[in-house]
Each structure stands twice: as structure tokens, then as C-alpha cells.
């Protein structure tokens, strides 16, 4: 029970910090994906 309670707040903490990081990574991924799709489509 104690482990579960401690594990719950752990993922919640990195959530806000990972949000901005994910955005940048997501943006980069979109750019690469878009480029790959465009090249494949073309």
C-alpha cells in the first residue's frame, strides 16, 4: 500500500516537467514524420 501511494505522486511530478520537453520532441518528431511522409508521397 505504501509503495503504491509513493508511486502515484512520482509520475505526477515529472508530468509537468515532461510536458514542455515532450512538446519539443513531439514538434521535432512531427517535422521528421512530415518530411518522411512528404518524400514518400512525392
Foldseek 3Di string as FASTA:
>chain_A
DVVVVVVVVVVVVCVVVCVVVVVVVVVVVCVVVVVVVVVVVD
